[in-house]
Amino acid sequence: MLTACIVYVQGSAGNLLARCLTLDTNTVGYVNADTTQKRFALYNNWDSTNWTKSEVDIEIDFVTGAGEFYHHEDSQQKLIYRCHPLQYFSGCDTLWNGDVKWKDIVKINLETDDIETITKLASKKRTDLNHSSQIAKELEAFNTIRSTQSIDFKTILNQNQFLEQIEKLASILDVEYYPKYVKQIYDLWHKETMLLL
């Protein structure tokens, strides 16, 4: 079922949110793992020296071509997807079918002074992509998307606030919250991210 779409501008931690909210095996995993422990082991791979490697193999099946998207619309398994604003308008807004809508749209909100930080992070994390020229376009699209839930980027940079917000989001989205695993995923993400600033 289309539970939530996390819409975020590059560099603002959308992958972190997606991983923390899909540890529950009642959600569609970004990895082929049938237990929470296996998902955690594969999700907790952040590496500031090769960020691309820590992201490219972690993806929902239909994006990699290993499956089709349509069965997620009516499945009992919860789909918590994440995408950039222009991707959202290119089909993710309804997962390519006008009849089935996301239950929630979760946005990672940015303040003006966050833009420089996320641009720097995006360009250093994914050196295989040219985010700096894309971010202005993404921000324009981002500002037109209405959310049902949100989290501030600055909140994500603070461990206690982040953990509180993830627990709250997990409750709203009706997915199991795993505080021990979420904290470890966050700790490694934060450590490796700060090395890039």
C-alpha atoms as a PDB file:
ATOM      1  CA  MET A   1       0.000   0.000   0.000  1.00  0.00           C
ATOM      2  CA  LEU A   2       1.227   3.498  -0.752  1.00  0.00           C
ATOM      3  CA  THR A   3       1.945   4.544   2.812  1.00  0.00           C
ATOM      4  CA  ALA A   4       4.274   7.519   2.502  1.00  0.00           C
ATOM      5  CA  CYS A   5       6.408   9.351   0.000  1.00  0.00           C
ATOM      6  CA  ILE A   6       9.393  11.181   1.484  1.00  0.00           C
ATOM      7  CA  VAL A   7      10.122  14.185  -0.718  1.00  0.00           C
ATOM      8  CA  TYR A   8      13.500  15.784  -0.171  1.00  0.00           C
ATOM      9  CA  VAL A   9      16.061  17.914  -1.951  1.00  0.00           C
ATOM     10  CA  GLN A  10      19.389  16.228  -2.619  1.00  0.00           C
ATOM     11  CA  GLY A  11      21.717  16.304   0.393  1.00  0.00           C
ATOM     12  CA  SER A  12      18.948  16.689   2.982  1.00  0.00           C
ATOM     13  CA  ALA A  13      18.927  13.113   4.339  1.00  0.00           C
ATOM     14  CA  GLY A  14      15.980  11.502   2.577  1.00  0.00           C
ATOM     15  CA  ASN A  15      17.824   8.188   2.429  1.00  0.00           C
ATOM     16  CA  LEU A  16      18.387   8.314   6.177  1.00  0.00           C
ATOM     17  CA  LEU A  17      14.660   8.754   6.823  1.00  0.00           C
ATOM     18  CA  ALA A  18      13.720   6.004   4.390  1.00  0.00           C
ATOM     19  CA  ARG A  19      16.075   3.501   6.003  1.00  0.00           C
ATOM     20  CA  CYS A  20      14.959   4.311   9.540  1.00  0.00           C
ATOM     21  CA  LEU A  21      11.289   3.951   8.607  1.00  0.00           C
ATOM     22  CA  THR A  22      11.651   0.697   6.645  1.00  0.00           C
ATOM     23  CA  LEU A  23      13.376  -1.513   9.196  1.00  0.00           C
ATOM     24  CA  ASP A  24       9.934  -3.020   9.854  1.00  0.00           C
ATOM     25  CA  THR A  25       9.426  -6.080   7.636  1.00  0.00           C
ATOM     26  CA  ASN A  26       5.813  -4.999   7.132  1.00  0.00           C
ATOM     27  CA  THR A  27       7.303  -2.343   4.856  1.00  0.00           C
ATOM     28  CA  VAL A  28       8.833  -2.817   1.417  1.00  0.00           C
ATOM     29  CA  GLY A  29      12.583  -2.996   1.968  1.00  0.00           C
ATOM     30  CA  TYR A  30      15.233  -1.129   0.071  1.00  0.00           C
ATOM     31  CA  VAL A  31      17.265  -4.340   0.269  1.00  0.00           C
ATOM     32  CA  ASN A  32      16.425  -7.996  -0.220  1.00  0.00           C
ATOM     33  CA  ALA A  33      16.306  -8.983   3.449  1.00  0.00           C
ATOM     34  CA  ASP A  34      13.567 -10.850   5.266  1.00  0.00           C
ATOM     35  CA  THR A  35      14.363  -9.739   8.828  1.00  0.00           C
ATOM     36  CA  THR A  36      14.824  -6.403  10.547  1.00  0.00           C
ATOM     37  CA  GLN A  37      18.310  -7.451  11.644  1.00  0.00           C
ATOM     38  CA  LYS A  38      19.353  -8.173   8.047  1.00  0.00           C
ATOM     39  CA  ARG A  39      17.903  -4.894   6.838  1.00  0.00           C
ATOM     40  CA  PHE A  40      19.762  -3.043   9.569  1.00  0.00           C
ATOM     41  CA  ALA A  41      23.052  -4.737   8.650  1.00  0.00           C
ATOM     42  CA  LEU A  42      22.669  -3.691   5.002  1.00  0.00           C
ATOM     43  CA  TYR A  43      21.289  -0.216   5.725  1.00  0.00           C
ATOM     44  CA  ASN A  44      24.022   0.777   8.172  1.00  0.00           C
ATOM     45  CA  ASN A  45      26.756   1.196   5.571  1.00  0.00           C
ATOM     46  CA  TRP A  46      27.408   4.948   5.345  1.00  0.00           C
ATOM     47  CA  ASP A  47      30.945   5.701   4.134  1.00  0.00           C
ATOM     48  CA  SER A  48      32.259   9.229   3.623  1.00  0.00           C
ATOM     49  CA  THR A  49      35.095   7.926   1.430  1.00  0.00           C
ATOM     50  CA  ASN A  50      32.669   6.272  -1.008  1.00  0.00           C
ATOM     51  CA  TRP A  51      29.128   7.504  -0.403  1.00  0.00           C
ATOM     52  CA  THR A  52      27.956   6.363  -3.815  1.00  0.00           C
ATOM     53  CA  LYS A  53      28.636   2.747  -2.861  1.00  0.00           C
ATOM     54  CA  SER A  54      26.602   3.182   0.322  1.00  0.00           C
ATOM     55  CA  GLU A  55      23.556   4.257  -1.713  1.00  0.00           C
ATOM     56  CA  VAL A  56      23.489   2.600  -5.126  1.00  0.00           C
ATOM     57  CA  ASP A  57      22.670  -0.928  -3.969  1.00  0.00           C
ATOM     58  CA  ILE A  58      19.945   0.203  -1.582  1.00  0.00           C
ATOM     59  CA  GLU A  59      16.813   0.704  -3.657  1.00  0.00           C
ATOM     60  CA  ILE A  60      13.223  -0.484  -3.989  1.00  0.00           C
ATOM     61  CA  ASP A  61      12.782  -3.366  -6.442  1.00  0.00           C
ATOM     62  CA  PHE A  62      10.888  -1.471  -9.163  1.00  0.00           C
ATOM     63  CA  VAL A  63      13.621   1.154  -9.456  1.00  0.00           C
ATOM     64  CA  THR A  64      16.268  -1.480 -10.161  1.00  0.00           C
ATOM     65  CA  GLY A  65      14.026  -3.269 -12.644  1.00  0.00           C
ATOM     66  CA  ALA A  66      13.797  -6.359 -10.413  1.00  0.00           C
ATOM     67  CA  GLY A  67      10.037  -5.917 -10.073  1.00  0.00           C
ATOM     68  CA  GLU A  68       7.056  -3.826 -11.099  1.00  0.00           C
ATOM     69  CA  PHE A  69       5.685  -0.883  -9.145  1.00  0.00           C
ATOM     70  CA  TYR A  70       1.977  -1.624  -9.534  1.00  0.00           C
ATOM     71  CA  HIS A  71       1.748  -4.497  -7.058  1.00  0.00           C
ATOM     72  CA  HIS A  72       2.779  -2.108  -4.266  1.00  0.00           C
ATOM     73  CA  GLU A  73      -0.432  -0.126  -4.741  1.00  0.00           C
ATOM     74  CA  ASP A  74      -2.719  -2.833  -3.360  1.00  0.00           C
ATOM     75  CA  SER A  75      -0.226  -4.864  -1.325  1.00  0.00           C
ATOM     76  CA  GLN A  76      -0.616  -5.176   2.432  1.00  0.00           C
ATOM     77  CA  GLN A  77       3.078  -4.368   2.713  1.00  0.00           C
ATOM     78  CA  LYS A  78       3.611  -0.663   3.372  1.00  0.00           C
ATOM     79  CA  LEU A  79       5.596   1.268   0.792  1.00  0.00           C
ATOM     80  CA  ILE A  80       7.604   4.183   2.143  1.00  0.00           C
ATOM     81  CA  TYR A  81       9.338   5.615  -0.872  1.00  0.00           C
ATOM     82  CA  ARG A  82      11.657   8.569  -1.169  1.00  0.00           C
ATOM     83  CA  CYS A  83      12.276  10.843  -4.116  1.00  0.00           C
ATOM     84  CA  HIS A  84      13.407  14.283  -5.148  1.00  0.00           C
ATOM     85  CA  PRO A  85      10.790  16.933  -6.004  1.00  0.00           C
ATOM     86  CA  LEU A  86      11.154  16.685  -9.786  1.00  0.00           C
ATOM     87  CA  GLN A  87      10.922  12.887  -9.568  1.00  0.00           C
ATOM     88  CA  TYR A  88       7.756  13.368  -7.533  1.00  0.00           C
ATOM     89  CA  PHE A  89       6.170  15.365 -10.329  1.00  0.00           C
ATOM     90  CA  SER A  90       7.452  12.914 -12.948  1.00  0.00           C
ATOM     91  CA  GLY A  91       5.329  10.078 -11.608  1.00  0.00           C
ATOM     92  CA  CYS A  92       6.022   9.496  -7.940  1.00  0.00           C
ATOM     93  CA  ASP A  93       3.134  11.727  -6.884  1.00  0.00           C
ATOM     94  CA  THR A  94       0.782   8.794  -7.501  1.00  0.00           C
ATOM     95  CA  LEU A  95       3.301   6.075  -8.333  1.00  0.00           C
ATOM     96  CA  TRP A  96       2.414   6.353 -12.011  1.00  0.00           C
ATOM     97  CA  ASN A  97      -1.294   5.632 -11.514  1.00  0.00           C
ATOM     98  CA  GLY A  98      -3.798   8.422 -11.063  1.00  0.00           C
ATOM     99  CA  ASP A  99      -6.176   6.278  -9.007  1.00  0.00           C
ATOM    100  CA  VAL A 100      -4.002   5.352  -6.040  1.00  0.00           C
ATOM    101  CA  LYS A 101      -2.608   8.105  -3.832  1.00  0.00           C
ATOM    102  CA  TRP A 102      -0.058   8.209  -1.046  1.00  0.00           C
ATOM    103  CA  LYS A 103      -1.549   8.170   2.446  1.00  0.00           C
ATOM    104  CA  ASP A 104       1.118  10.648   3.587  1.00  0.00           C
ATOM    105  CA  ILE A 105       3.613  12.993   1.952  1.00  0.00           C
ATOM    106  CA  VAL A 106       6.600  13.624   4.230  1.00  0.00           C
ATOM    107  CA  LYS A 107       8.786  16.609   3.371  1.00  0.00           C
ATOM    108  CA  ILE A 108      12.212  17.466   4.757  1.00  0.00           C
ATOM    109  CA  ASN A 109      11.875  21.204   5.262  1.00  0.00           C
ATOM    110  CA  LEU A 110      14.751  23.553   4.572  1.00  0.00           C
ATOM    111  CA  GLU A 111      15.555  27.031   5.760  1.00  0.00           C
ATOM    112  CA  THR A 112      17.496  29.449   3.575  1.00  0.00           C
ATOM    113  CA  ASP A 113      20.742  28.818   5.451  1.00  0.00           C
ATOM    114  CA  ASP A 114      20.389  25.039   4.900  1.00  0.00           C
ATOM    115  CA  ILE A 115      20.757  25.357   1.115  1.00  0.00           C
ATOM    116  CA  GLU A 116      24.526  25.856   1.167  1.00  0.00           C
ATOM    117  CA  THR A 117      24.951  22.876   3.514  1.00  0.00           C
ATOM    118  CA  ILE A 118      22.808  20.458   1.519  1.00  0.00           C
ATOM    119  CA  THR A 119      24.396  21.555  -1.765  1.00  0.00           C
ATOM    120  CA  LYS A 120      27.837  20.856  -0.339  1.00  0.00           C
ATOM    121  CA  LEU A 121      26.722  17.503   1.053  1.00  0.00           C
ATOM    122  CA  ALA A 122      25.020  16.464  -2.185  1.00  0.00           C
ATOM    123  CA  SER A 123      28.087  17.269  -4.277  1.00  0.00           C
ATOM    124  CA  LYS A 124      30.493  15.516  -1.890  1.00  0.00           C
ATOM    125  CA  LYS A 125      28.319  12.465  -1.220  1.00  0.00           C
ATOM    126  CA  ARG A 126      27.351  11.675  -4.784  1.00  0.00           C
ATOM    127  CA  THR A 127      30.309  12.675  -6.911  1.00  0.00           C
ATOM    128  CA  ASP A 128      28.795  10.637  -9.749  1.00  0.00           C
ATOM    129  CA  LEU A 129      25.991  13.212 -10.083  1.00  0.00           C
ATOM    130  CA  ASN A 130      25.888  16.968 -10.719  1.00  0.00           C
ATOM    131  CA  HIS A 131      23.616  18.139  -7.927  1.00  0.00           C
ATOM    132  CA  SER A 132      24.738  21.737  -7.647  1.00  0.00           C
ATOM    133  CA  SER A 133      23.134  22.725 -10.958  1.00  0.00           C
ATOM    134  CA  GLN A 134      20.004  20.693 -10.194  1.00  0.00           C
ATOM    135  CA  ILE A 135      19.223  21.895  -6.667  1.00  0.00           C
ATOM    136  CA  ALA A 136      17.750  25.277  -7.694  1.00  0.00           C
ATOM    137  CA  LYS A 137      15.237  23.503  -9.946  1.00  0.00           C
ATOM    138  CA  GLU A 138      14.470  20.970  -7.217  1.00  0.00           C
ATOM    139  CA  LEU A 139      13.842  23.726  -4.665  1.00  0.00           C
ATOM    140  CA  GLU A 140      11.368  25.465  -6.969  1.00  0.00           C
ATOM    141  CA  ALA A 141       9.393  22.232  -7.385  1.00  0.00           C
ATOM    142  CA  PHE A 142       9.752  21.361  -3.694  1.00  0.00           C
ATOM    143  CA  ASN A 143       8.026  24.566  -2.606  1.00  0.00           C
ATOM    144  CA  THR A 144       4.863  23.625  -4.521  1.00  0.00           C
ATOM    145  CA  ILE A 145       4.399  20.213  -2.858  1.00  0.00           C
ATOM    146  CA  ARG A 146       1.898  19.955  -0.030  1.00  0.00           C
ATOM    147  CA  SER A 147       2.869  17.649   2.786  1.00  0.00           C
ATOM    148  CA  THR A 148       0.869  15.866   5.454  1.00  0.00           C
ATOM    149  CA  GLN A 149       3.968  15.370   7.632  1.00  0.00           C
ATOM    150  CA  SER A 150       7.343  17.062   7.788  1.00  0.00           C
ATOM    151  CA  ILE A 151      10.670  17.176   9.542  1.00  0.00           C
ATOM    152  CA  ASP A 152      13.134  20.060   9.535  1.00  0.00           C
ATOM    153  CA  PHE A 153      16.631  19.476   8.197  1.00  0.00           C
ATOM    154  CA  LYS A 154      18.100  21.133  11.301  1.00  0.00           C
ATOM    155  CA  THR A 155      16.202  18.612  13.431  1.00  0.00           C
ATOM    156  CA  ILE A 156      17.906  15.816  11.524  1.00  0.00           C
ATOM    157  CA  LEU A 157      21.308  17.196  12.526  1.00  0.00           C
ATOM    158  CA  ASN A 158      20.442  16.872  16.221  1.00  0.00           C
ATOM    159  CA  GLN A 159      20.387  13.258  17.432  1.00  0.00           C
ATOM    160  CA  ASN A 160      17.806  13.620  20.214  1.00  0.00           C
ATOM    161  CA  GLN A 161      15.419  15.661  18.085  1.00  0.00           C
ATOM    162  CA  PHE A 162      15.859  13.289  15.151  1.00  0.00           C
ATOM    163  CA  LEU A 163      15.120  10.189  17.216  1.00  0.00           C
ATOM    164  CA  GLU A 164      11.996  11.830  18.663  1.00  0.00           C
ATOM    165  CA  GLN A 165      10.765  12.783  15.193  1.00  0.00           C
ATOM    166  CA  ILE A 166      11.428   9.340  13.695  1.00  0.00           C
ATOM    167  CA  GLU A 167       9.542   7.700  16.547  1.00  0.00           C
ATOM    168  CA  LYS A 168       6.648  10.096  15.946  1.00  0.00           C
ATOM    169  CA  LEU A 169       6.683   9.490  12.178  1.00  0.00           C
ATOM    170  CA  ALA A 170       6.822   5.720  12.682  1.00  0.00           C
ATOM    171  CA  SER A 171       3.734   5.961  14.880  1.00  0.00           C
ATOM    172  CA  ILE A 172       1.854   8.115  12.360  1.00  0.00           C
ATOM    173  CA  LEU A 173       2.805   5.785   9.484  1.00  0.00           C
ATOM    174  CA  ASP A 174       1.982   2.750  11.634  1.00  0.00           C
ATOM    175  CA  VAL A 175       5.368   1.079  11.271  1.00  0.00           C
ATOM    176  CA  GLU A 176       7.477  -0.501  13.991  1.00  0.00           C
ATOM    177  CA  TYR A 177      10.105   1.799  15.477  1.00  0.00           C
ATOM    178  CA  TYR A 178      13.425   0.171  16.369  1.00  0.00           C
ATOM    179  CA  PRO A 179      15.218   2.669  18.635  1.00  0.00           C
ATOM    180  CA  LYS A 180      18.444   0.694  18.966  1.00  0.00           C
ATOM    181  CA  TYR A 181      18.858   0.215  15.219  1.00  0.00           C
ATOM    182  CA  VAL A 182      17.695   3.715  14.310  1.00  0.00           C
ATOM    183  CA  LYS A 183      20.206   5.215  16.738  1.00  0.00           C
ATOM    184  CA  GLN A 184      23.052   3.179  15.239  1.00  0.00           C
ATOM    185  CA  ILE A 185      22.056   4.061  11.678  1.00  0.00           C
ATOM    186  CA  TYR A 186      21.851   7.709  12.683  1.00  0.00           C
ATOM    187  CA  ASP A 187      25.173   7.674  14.550  1.00  0.00           C
ATOM    188  CA  LEU A 188      27.102   6.300  11.577  1.00  0.00           C
ATOM    189  CA  TRP A 189      25.260   8.577   9.117  1.00  0.00           C
ATOM    190  CA  HIS A 190      26.006  11.631  11.283  1.00  0.00           C
ATOM    191  CA  LYS A 191      29.661  10.708  11.821  1.00  0.00           C
ATOM    192  CA  GLU A 192      30.305  10.123   8.110  1.00  0.00           C
ATOM    193  CA  THR A 193      28.267  13.175   7.066  1.00  0.00           C
ATOM    194  CA  MET A 194      30.147  15.510   9.401  1.00  0.00           C
ATOM    195  CA  LEU A 195      33.434  14.342   7.865  1.00  0.00           C
ATOM    196  CA  LEU A 196      32.229  15.866   4.598  1.00  0.00           C
ATOM    197  CA  LEU A 197      31.386  19.317   5.964  1.00  0.00           C
END
